[in-house]
Amino acid sequence: MFRAALLILLATPCLAAELPPPLEQDDFAKHSESEITLGQLLFYDPILSGNREVSCATCHHPRFATGDGLALGVGDGGKGLGPKRVADPDNPPEARIPRNAPPLFNLSHRGVTVLFHDGRIEVDESRPSGIRTPLDADMEQGFASLLSAQTMFPVLSPDEMAGHYQENEIAKLVRQGRLTGPGGAWDAIASRVAAIPEYKARFTTAYPAIADGKPIGFTDISNAIAAFMAHEWQATDSPFDRYLRGEAALSEAQSDGLRLFYGDAGCATCHAGPLLSDMGFHAMGAPQIGPGKAAAFEDHQRDTGRMRVTGRTEDAYAFRTPMLRNVTRTGPWGHAGAHADLRAFLRDHAEPRAGLARYEDLPPLPQMDGIVDDRWALDSDERAAIADAAPEGRALTEPELDALLAFLDALTDPASISGRLGVPDSVPSGLPVAR
């Protein structure tokens, strides 16, 4: 019965885009139990951070749908978890993390070809590693996947995990530009992990090459973390997924929203395919709040998005199309988390220029002293530049917003949010686990 209803909807003339095929298990990476459970411990272990205080889970926690519930997070130099995280008065951060923590759902699907808001890591078969990153020729070999390679950046970021320049040996190596190879920052992190007997035993079980005598490297750590994320946060059982498989019907409101999403609202132009993302980059007028994204030698507070990667002016203020499973739970929304309310985000996103013009109220941000004004881009000519790069769009009515929100709620897979293994009771380093 449900399959027949789906076929009728597929034939409805008001749909401007075809519905995607269901997500298939064969399109997700597979991993052994020993690799997954090792990755779980590493994901929650602060041993990977310079000051041994921040883990991957600090900014990507299941309590907050694999984010941190903040518009712009606080990594090194923070205390607490999620929206309650604040600056540590005894060792305050030097800056906010410049972009919103992205969710971790379905990142091991073979359709994921770019990661980070600006796509600075992407699949590139012309490279020896098969992956293009800002490190180019200095890229370490041995990352098993794009998802694995992603982990190499947060551990090197002073504001995220590494700490600031003279605080610890990892931060000092980053400051010196010694990242790869023997004695580099990644090697120093791997040495910390390898010195813990339980980790040594678990790596020996998970990876035959290590059992045969290969030293534990940072790529082994990142591969294990990627295996855990791939298993823990696979989201394939939302009402929409069951609907596509012909197993269940959507409610009337959800069906109305689906017709809008794939029809007159034009959402599926970019949110296409099984993952509801074209993996492309689009300038959609999302407000910039916070410090922007600049290299150490640059003196500005702009975040030009994809242009920072390609150097092309036509990519200015373009950001990756996010995937949408569990989207109603993953706020704040936008590359800078500028919207704390999803309805308001949809309203502004539908007509980007008008939405940016009326945007005023920043979401709550942890108090930090001595940092760039969080409103800088809104109170300068930058707001106009962001708007000029965006399309006009069209306004959504209140009933249309109701319908779209109902459809987006049908993308929620509760089991994937809580995760399959959950938060471990303890980690081999003995350091505190974020709860």
Protein backbone atom coordinates (compact mmCIF):
# COMPACT_ATOMS: atom_id res chain seq x y z
CA MET A 1 0.00 0.00 0.00
CA PHE A 2 2.74 2.45 0.96
CA ARG A 3 4.74 1.64 -2.17
CA ALA A 4 1.70 2.41 -4.29
CA ALA A 5 1.25 5.75 -2.53
CA LEU A 6 4.89 6.58 -3.16
CA LEU A 7 4.56 5.82 -6.86
CA ILE A 8 1.53 8.10 -7.06
CA LEU A 9 3.47 10.92 -5.41
CA LEU A 10 6.44 10.40 -7.72
CA ALA A 11 4.10 10.92 -10.66
CA THR A 12 2.63 14.13 -9.26
CA PRO A 13 3.31 16.99 -11.72
CA CYS A 14 3.99 19.53 -8.94
CA LEU A 15 7.29 17.83 -8.07
CA ALA A 16 10.06 19.75 -9.83
CA ALA A 17 12.70 17.22 -8.73
CA GLU A 18 12.60 13.45 -8.42
CA LEU A 19 12.64 11.80 -5.04
CA PRO A 20 15.96 10.11 -4.28
CA PRO A 21 16.47 6.38 -3.97
CA PRO A 22 16.70 5.01 -0.42
CA LEU A 23 20.02 4.96 1.37
CA GLU A 24 21.64 1.56 0.86
CA GLN A 25 23.79 -0.27 3.40
CA ASP A 26 26.28 -1.19 0.68
CA ASP A 27 27.08 2.51 0.26
CA PHE A 28 28.42 2.81 3.82
CA ALA A 29 31.90 1.83 4.97
CA LYS A 30 32.18 -1.39 6.99
CA HIS A 31 34.49 -1.88 9.96
CA SER A 32 35.41 -4.53 12.50
CA GLU A 33 34.11 -4.43 16.05
CA SER A 34 37.64 -4.06 17.42
CA GLU A 35 38.30 -1.02 15.24
CA ILE A 36 34.95 0.58 16.13
CA THR A 37 35.32 0.13 19.89
CA LEU A 38 38.89 1.44 19.75
CA GLY A 39 37.64 4.50 17.87
CA GLN A 40 34.92 5.06 20.47
CA LEU A 41 37.51 5.37 23.23
CA LEU A 42 39.72 7.69 21.19
CA PHE A 43 36.75 9.90 20.23
CA TYR A 44 35.96 10.55 23.90
CA ASP A 45 39.57 10.71 25.15
CA PRO A 46 41.11 14.18 25.77
CA ILE A 47 44.56 12.62 25.31
CA LEU A 48 44.46 13.80 21.68
CA SER A 49 44.39 17.49 22.65
CA GLY A 50 47.44 19.54 23.48
CA ASN A 51 46.44 20.29 27.06
CA ARG A 52 44.64 16.96 27.54
CA GLU A 53 41.36 18.76 28.22
CA VAL A 54 39.40 18.60 24.94
CA SER A 55 38.16 15.50 23.10
CA CYS A 56 36.33 15.12 19.80
CA ALA A 57 33.17 14.80 21.91
CA THR A 58 33.63 18.27 23.40
CA CYS A 59 32.26 19.77 20.19
CA HIS A 60 30.47 16.68 18.80
CA HIS A 61 28.41 15.12 21.55
CA PRO A 62 25.34 12.87 21.25
CA ARG A 63 23.56 14.97 23.88
CA PHE A 64 23.51 17.75 21.29
CA ALA A 65 22.89 15.66 18.15
CA THR A 66 26.66 15.34 17.48
CA GLY A 67 27.20 19.09 17.82
CA ASP A 68 27.68 21.30 20.86
CA GLY A 69 24.45 23.30 20.84
CA LEU A 70 26.43 26.52 20.40
CA ALA A 71 26.52 28.88 17.44
CA LEU A 72 30.32 29.06 17.69
CA GLY A 73 32.01 26.63 20.00
CA VAL A 74 34.64 26.96 22.69
CA GLY A 75 37.40 24.37 22.41
CA ASP A 76 40.70 24.76 24.23
CA GLY A 77 40.32 27.13 27.16
CA GLY A 78 36.72 26.22 27.88
CA LYS A 79 34.92 24.54 30.78
CA GLY A 80 31.65 22.64 30.73
CA LEU A 81 29.75 20.98 27.91
CA GLY A 82 27.29 22.12 25.27
CA PRO A 83 25.39 25.39 25.76
CA LYS A 84 26.75 25.52 29.33
CA ARG A 85 30.36 25.66 28.13
CA VAL A 86 32.14 28.86 29.18
CA ALA A 87 35.60 30.34 28.97
CA ASP A 88 37.99 29.17 31.66
CA PRO A 89 38.99 32.33 33.57
CA ASP A 90 42.35 30.74 34.47
CA ASN A 91 43.21 29.97 30.82
CA PRO A 92 40.74 31.77 28.52
CA PRO A 93 40.54 31.10 24.78
CA GLU A 94 42.12 33.63 22.45
CA ALA A 95 39.26 33.45 19.93
CA ARG A 96 35.98 31.77 19.22
CA ILE A 97 36.01 28.79 16.89
CA PRO A 98 34.98 30.59 13.67
CA ARG A 99 32.41 28.14 12.32
CA ASN A 100 29.55 26.07 13.69
CA ALA A 101 30.37 22.46 14.59
CA PRO A 102 28.89 20.33 11.76
CA PRO A 103 26.87 17.20 12.56
CA LEU A 104 28.40 13.75 12.06
CA PHE A 105 25.54 11.75 10.52
CA ASN A 106 26.18 9.50 7.51
CA LEU A 107 29.70 10.79 6.91
CA SER A 108 30.99 7.40 5.77
CA HIS A 109 28.53 7.16 2.86
CA ARG A 110 30.33 6.93 -0.47
CA GLY A 111 28.34 9.95 -1.68
CA VAL A 112 30.20 12.21 0.76
CA THR A 113 32.97 13.72 -1.36
CA VAL A 114 33.73 16.96 0.54
CA LEU A 115 34.03 17.79 4.23
CA PHE A 116 34.06 21.00 6.27
CA HIS A 117 31.90 24.01 5.44
CA ASP A 118 34.36 25.15 2.76
CA GLY A 119 35.21 21.69 1.40
CA ARG A 120 38.91 22.05 2.12
CA ILE A 121 39.11 18.27 2.29
CA GLU A 122 37.69 16.49 -0.74
CA VAL A 123 38.03 13.35 -2.78
CA ASP A 124 40.61 13.80 -5.55
CA GLU A 125 41.73 10.65 -7.30
CA SER A 126 44.63 12.51 -8.95
CA ARG A 127 46.40 12.80 -5.57
CA PRO A 128 48.56 9.96 -4.21
CA SER A 129 46.32 9.75 -1.16
CA GLY A 130 43.11 10.10 -3.19
CA ILE A 131 42.31 13.14 -1.05
CA ARG A 132 42.99 16.84 -1.56
CA THR A 133 43.78 18.82 1.59
CA PRO A 134 45.50 22.13 2.34
CA LEU A 135 48.68 20.16 3.09
CA ASP A 136 49.05 19.07 -0.56
CA ALA A 137 52.35 17.19 -0.93
CA ASP A 138 52.88 17.11 2.83
CA MET A 139 49.73 15.05 3.29
CA GLU A 140 50.39 11.95 5.37
CA GLN A 141 49.74 8.64 3.63
CA GLY A 142 47.60 6.00 5.29
CA PHE A 143 44.27 7.69 5.89
CA ALA A 144 41.71 5.04 5.00
CA SER A 145 38.97 7.47 3.98
CA LEU A 146 37.95 11.08 3.58
CA LEU A 147 36.33 10.90 6.99
CA SER A 148 39.57 9.70 8.52
CA ALA A 149 41.55 12.55 6.96
CA GLN A 150 39.14 15.06 8.46
CA THR A 151 40.39 14.30 11.95
CA MET A 152 43.86 15.67 11.26
CA PHE A 153 42.74 19.31 11.35
CA PRO A 154 41.00 19.85 14.73
CA VAL A 155 43.96 18.40 16.64
CA LEU A 156 46.21 21.03 15.03
CA SER A 157 43.91 24.00 15.63
CA PRO A 158 44.97 26.16 18.61
CA ASP A 159 41.38 27.21 19.32
CA GLU A 160 39.95 23.70 18.96
CA MET A 161 42.29 21.09 20.43
CA ALA A 162 46.00 21.96 20.19
CA GLY A 163 46.12 24.85 22.65
CA HIS A 164 48.12 28.03 22.24
CA TYR A 165 51.69 28.48 21.32
CA GLN A 166 53.69 27.86 24.49
CA GLU A 167 51.16 25.79 26.44
CA ASN A 168 52.25 22.27 25.52
CA GLU A 169 54.49 20.30 23.19
CA ILE A 170 51.78 19.85 20.54
CA ALA A 171 51.04 23.58 20.37
CA LYS A 172 54.77 24.35 20.09
CA LEU A 173 55.18 21.93 17.17
CA VAL A 174 52.17 23.45 15.41
CA ARG A 175 53.62 26.93 15.92
CA GLN A 176 56.90 25.75 14.38
CA GLY A 177 55.08 24.26 11.39
CA ARG A 178 56.27 20.76 12.29
CA LEU A 179 53.13 18.76 11.55
CA THR A 180 54.07 15.61 9.65
CA GLY A 181 56.86 13.06 9.83
CA PRO A 182 58.97 11.90 12.78
CA GLY A 183 58.89 14.39 15.61
CA GLY A 184 55.94 16.31 14.17
CA ALA A 185 52.71 17.18 15.96
CA TRP A 186 50.83 14.12 14.73
CA ASP A 187 53.72 11.88 15.68
CA ALA A 188 53.75 13.41 19.17
CA ILE A 189 50.03 12.71 19.59
CA ALA A 190 50.50 9.13 18.38
CA SER A 191 53.36 8.63 20.85
CA ARG A 192 51.10 9.70 23.71
CA VAL A 193 48.51 7.12 22.70
CA ALA A 194 51.03 4.35 22.03
CA ALA A 195 52.49 4.78 25.53
CA ILE A 196 49.20 3.65 27.12
CA PRO A 197 49.19 -0.17 27.43
CA GLU A 198 45.46 -0.63 26.83
CA TYR A 199 45.60 1.40 23.62
CA LYS A 200 48.66 -0.54 22.48
CA ALA A 201 46.79 -3.81 23.01
CA ARG A 202 43.65 -2.58 21.26
CA PHE A 203 45.58 -1.30 18.22
CA THR A 204 47.36 -4.64 17.99
CA THR A 205 43.97 -6.39 17.87
CA ALA A 206 42.38 -3.97 15.42
CA TYR A 207 45.21 -3.64 12.88
CA PRO A 208 47.29 -6.63 11.73
CA ALA A 209 50.16 -4.40 10.59
CA ILE A 210 50.58 -3.10 14.14
CA ALA A 211 50.43 -6.66 15.45
CA ASP A 212 53.31 -7.37 13.04
CA GLY A 213 55.40 -4.57 14.51
CA LYS A 214 54.35 -1.38 12.70
CA PRO A 215 54.42 1.61 15.08
CA ILE A 216 51.10 3.24 15.91
CA GLY A 217 50.78 6.33 13.73
CA PHE A 218 48.35 9.22 13.73
CA THR A 219 46.65 7.77 10.64
CA ASP A 220 45.85 4.65 12.66
CA ILE A 221 44.24 6.82 15.32
CA SER A 222 42.22 8.74 12.76
CA ASN A 223 41.17 5.56 10.94
CA ALA A 224 39.81 4.13 14.19
CA ILE A 225 37.92 7.33 15.03
CA ALA A 226 36.43 7.36 11.54
CA ALA A 227 35.33 3.74 11.94
CA PHE A 228 33.54 4.64 15.17
CA MET A 229 31.80 7.67 13.64
CA ALA A 230 30.76 5.60 10.63
CA HIS A 231 29.10 3.02 12.86
CA GLU A 232 27.79 5.23 15.65
CA TRP A 233 25.95 7.88 13.67
CA GLN A 234 24.57 6.18 10.61
CA ALA A 235 21.10 7.66 10.08
CA THR A 236 18.93 5.57 7.74
CA ASP A 237 15.70 4.97 9.62
CA SER A 238 13.80 8.25 9.68
CA PRO A 239 10.14 8.35 8.60
CA PHE A 240 11.33 9.68 5.24
CA ASP A 241 13.74 6.76 4.84
CA ARG A 242 11.00 4.26 5.69
CA TYR A 243 8.73 6.07 3.24
CA LEU A 244 11.30 5.80 0.43
CA ARG A 245 11.64 2.08 1.15
CA GLY A 246 7.87 1.68 0.92
CA GLU A 247 7.57 0.67 4.56
CA ALA A 248 5.48 3.52 5.99
CA ALA A 249 3.44 6.56 5.04
CA LEU A 250 4.13 10.19 5.86
CA SER A 251 1.58 12.32 7.66
CA GLU A 252 -0.48 14.81 5.69
CA ALA A 253 1.66 17.71 6.90
CA GLN A 254 4.88 15.87 6.10
CA SER A 255 3.58 15.02 2.62
CA ASP A 256 2.70 18.68 2.02
CA GLY A 257 6.22 19.62 3.03
CA LEU A 258 7.72 16.97 0.79
CA ARG A 259 5.83 18.38 -2.19
CA LEU A 260 7.14 21.85 -1.39
CA PHE A 261 10.69 20.61 -0.81
CA TYR A 262 10.78 18.78 -4.14
CA GLY A 263 8.51 21.26 -5.87
CA ASP A 264 7.78 24.97 -5.67
CA ALA A 265 10.16 25.80 -2.81
CA GLY A 266 13.10 24.49 -4.87
CA CYS A 267 14.95 22.99 -1.88
CA ALA A 268 15.91 19.85 -3.79
CA THR A 269 17.84 21.88 -6.35
CA CYS A 270 20.73 21.72 -3.88
CA HIS A 271 19.49 19.25 -1.27
CA ALA A 272 19.47 16.44 -3.80
CA GLY A 273 20.24 12.74 -3.84
CA PRO A 274 20.01 10.14 -1.06
CA LEU A 275 21.99 12.31 1.37
CA LEU A 276 19.92 15.42 0.58
CA SER A 277 23.04 17.32 -0.49
CA ASP A 278 24.61 17.93 -3.89
CA MET A 279 27.99 18.22 -2.13
CA GLY A 280 28.25 21.57 -3.89
CA PHE A 281 28.83 25.11 -2.67
CA HIS A 282 26.33 27.94 -2.80
CA ALA A 283 26.27 31.54 -1.60
CA MET A 284 22.99 31.78 0.29
CA GLY A 285 23.45 34.93 2.33
CA ALA A 286 23.89 33.18 5.68
CA PRO A 287 24.98 35.76 8.25
CA GLN A 288 28.54 35.73 9.47
CA ILE A 289 28.97 36.20 13.18
CA GLY A 290 32.16 35.84 15.14
CA PRO A 291 35.81 36.15 14.08
CA GLY A 292 35.63 35.05 10.45
CA LYS A 293 38.18 32.74 8.90
CA ALA A 294 41.63 34.12 8.21
CA ALA A 295 45.13 32.70 8.06
CA ALA A 296 47.64 33.78 10.70
CA PHE A 297 49.27 36.24 8.28
CA GLU A 298 45.96 37.84 7.22
CA ASP A 299 44.52 40.92 8.88
CA HIS A 300 40.76 40.66 8.41
CA GLN A 301 37.67 39.07 9.93
CA ARG A 302 35.91 37.90 6.77
CA ASP A 303 34.79 34.36 6.02
CA THR A 304 34.59 33.99 2.24
CA GLY A 305 33.85 30.26 2.40
CA ARG A 306 34.75 28.19 -0.64
CA MET A 307 36.77 31.05 -2.11
CA ARG A 308 39.36 30.45 0.60
CA VAL A 309 39.96 27.03 -0.94
CA THR A 310 39.72 27.74 -4.68
CA GLY A 311 40.81 31.39 -4.89
CA ARG A 312 37.98 32.01 -7.34
CA THR A 313 35.94 35.18 -6.81
CA GLU A 314 32.82 33.39 -8.05
CA ASP A 315 33.09 31.14 -4.97
CA ALA A 316 32.93 34.04 -2.52
CA TYR A 317 30.64 33.36 0.46
CA ALA A 318 29.68 29.92 -0.88
CA PHE A 319 29.44 27.09 1.63
CA ARG A 320 28.81 23.37 1.32
CA THR A 321 25.23 22.19 1.06
CA PRO A 322 24.64 20.39 4.37
CA MET A 323 23.08 16.95 4.56
CA LEU A 324 19.74 17.03 6.35
CA ARG A 325 19.21 13.87 8.41
CA ASN A 326 18.28 14.99 11.95
CA VAL A 327 18.38 18.64 10.87
CA THR A 328 15.66 19.70 13.33
CA ARG A 329 18.00 18.63 16.18
CA THR A 330 21.32 20.01 14.94
CA GLY A 331 20.94 23.75 15.55
CA PRO A 332 22.03 26.45 15.68
CA TRP A 333 21.97 26.59 11.88
CA GLY A 334 24.17 28.12 9.20
CA HIS A 335 27.93 27.92 8.75
CA ALA A 336 28.34 30.34 11.65
CA GLY A 337 25.35 29.11 13.64
CA ALA A 338 23.73 32.53 13.35
CA HIS A 339 20.17 31.20 13.65
CA ALA A 340 19.03 29.56 16.87
CA ASP A 341 15.51 29.02 15.48
CA LEU A 342 15.02 26.72 12.48
CA ARG A 343 11.83 28.44 11.34
CA ALA A 344 13.64 31.78 11.23
CA PHE A 345 16.51 30.15 9.36
CA LEU A 346 14.16 28.72 6.73
CA ARG A 347 12.42 32.07 6.34
CA ASP A 348 15.71 33.89 5.75
CA HIS A 349 17.27 31.09 3.69
CA ALA A 350 14.36 31.15 1.23
CA GLU A 351 14.98 34.79 0.34
CA PRO A 352 18.66 35.27 1.18
CA ARG A 353 19.10 38.97 0.48
CA ALA A 354 15.98 40.05 2.34
CA GLY A 355 16.75 37.59 5.12
CA LEU A 356 20.24 38.97 5.64
CA ALA A 357 18.94 42.54 5.57
CA ARG A 358 16.54 41.89 8.43
CA TYR A 359 18.83 39.70 10.51
CA GLU A 360 19.72 41.35 13.82
CA ASP A 361 19.52 39.14 16.90
CA LEU A 362 22.58 36.99 17.51
CA PRO A 363 22.10 33.68 19.30
CA PRO A 364 23.51 33.43 22.82
CA LEU A 365 27.30 33.13 22.82
CA PRO A 366 29.62 32.33 25.76
CA GLN A 367 31.14 35.51 27.17
CA MET A 368 34.73 36.00 26.06
CA ASP A 369 36.88 39.07 26.63
CA GLY A 370 39.43 40.59 24.28
CA ILE A 371 38.08 39.00 21.09
CA VAL A 372 36.82 40.35 17.75
CA ASP A 373 33.36 41.92 17.92
CA ASP A 374 30.88 39.13 17.13
CA ARG A 375 28.82 41.60 15.05
CA TRP A 376 31.72 42.86 12.94
CA ALA A 377 30.48 41.42 9.64
CA LEU A 378 26.93 42.65 10.29
CA ASP A 379 27.93 46.21 11.15
CA SER A 380 30.33 46.74 8.25
CA ASP A 381 30.30 46.67 4.45
CA GLU A 382 30.72 42.89 4.72
CA ARG A 383 26.97 42.40 5.12
CA ALA A 384 26.36 43.99 1.71
CA ALA A 385 29.11 41.91 0.11
CA ILE A 386 27.58 38.70 1.45
CA ALA A 387 24.14 39.77 0.20
CA ASP A 388 25.42 40.68 -3.27
CA ALA A 389 26.74 37.15 -3.75
CA ALA A 390 23.37 35.58 -2.89
CA PRO A 391 20.23 35.10 -5.01
CA GLU A 392 16.98 36.95 -4.38
CA GLY A 393 14.89 33.82 -3.72
CA ARG A 394 11.24 34.08 -2.77
CA ALA A 395 9.35 34.53 0.48
CA LEU A 396 7.73 31.53 2.10
CA THR A 397 4.27 31.85 3.59
CA GLU A 398 3.58 30.77 7.16
CA PRO A 399 1.68 27.64 5.98
CA GLU A 400 4.62 26.78 3.71
CA LEU A 401 7.01 27.12 6.62
CA ASP A 402 4.74 24.85 8.69
CA ALA A 403 4.79 22.22 5.95
CA LEU A 404 8.54 22.36 5.39
CA LEU A 405 9.22 22.06 9.11
CA ALA A 406 6.94 19.01 9.24
CA PHE A 407 8.87 17.41 6.38
CA LEU A 408 12.24 18.22 7.95
CA ASP A 409 11.05 16.59 11.16
CA ALA A 410 10.38 13.46 9.09
CA LEU A 411 14.16 13.30 8.52
CA THR A 412 14.77 12.51 12.20
CA ASP A 413 16.24 9.13 13.15
CA PRO A 414 16.25 9.12 16.98
CA ALA A 415 18.39 5.98 17.29
CA SER A 416 21.17 7.59 15.28
CA ILE A 417 21.19 10.66 17.53
CA SER A 418 21.76 8.74 20.74
CA GLY A 419 24.28 6.50 18.98
CA ARG A 420 24.76 2.76 19.05
CA LEU A 421 27.60 2.40 21.58
CA GLY A 422 27.04 5.59 23.53
CA VAL A 423 29.46 7.38 25.84
CA PRO A 424 32.06 5.09 27.46
CA ASP A 425 32.28 4.96 31.25
CA SER A 426 36.02 5.68 31.08
CA VAL A 427 38.91 5.95 28.62
CA PRO A 428 42.37 4.32 28.77
CA SER A 429 44.17 7.58 29.55
CA GLY A 430 42.17 7.95 32.75
CA LEU A 431 41.21 11.50 31.78
CA PRO A 432 37.64 12.79 32.35
CA VAL A 433 35.02 11.82 29.78
CA ALA A 434 32.66 14.53 28.49
CA ARG A 435 29.11 13.78 29.61
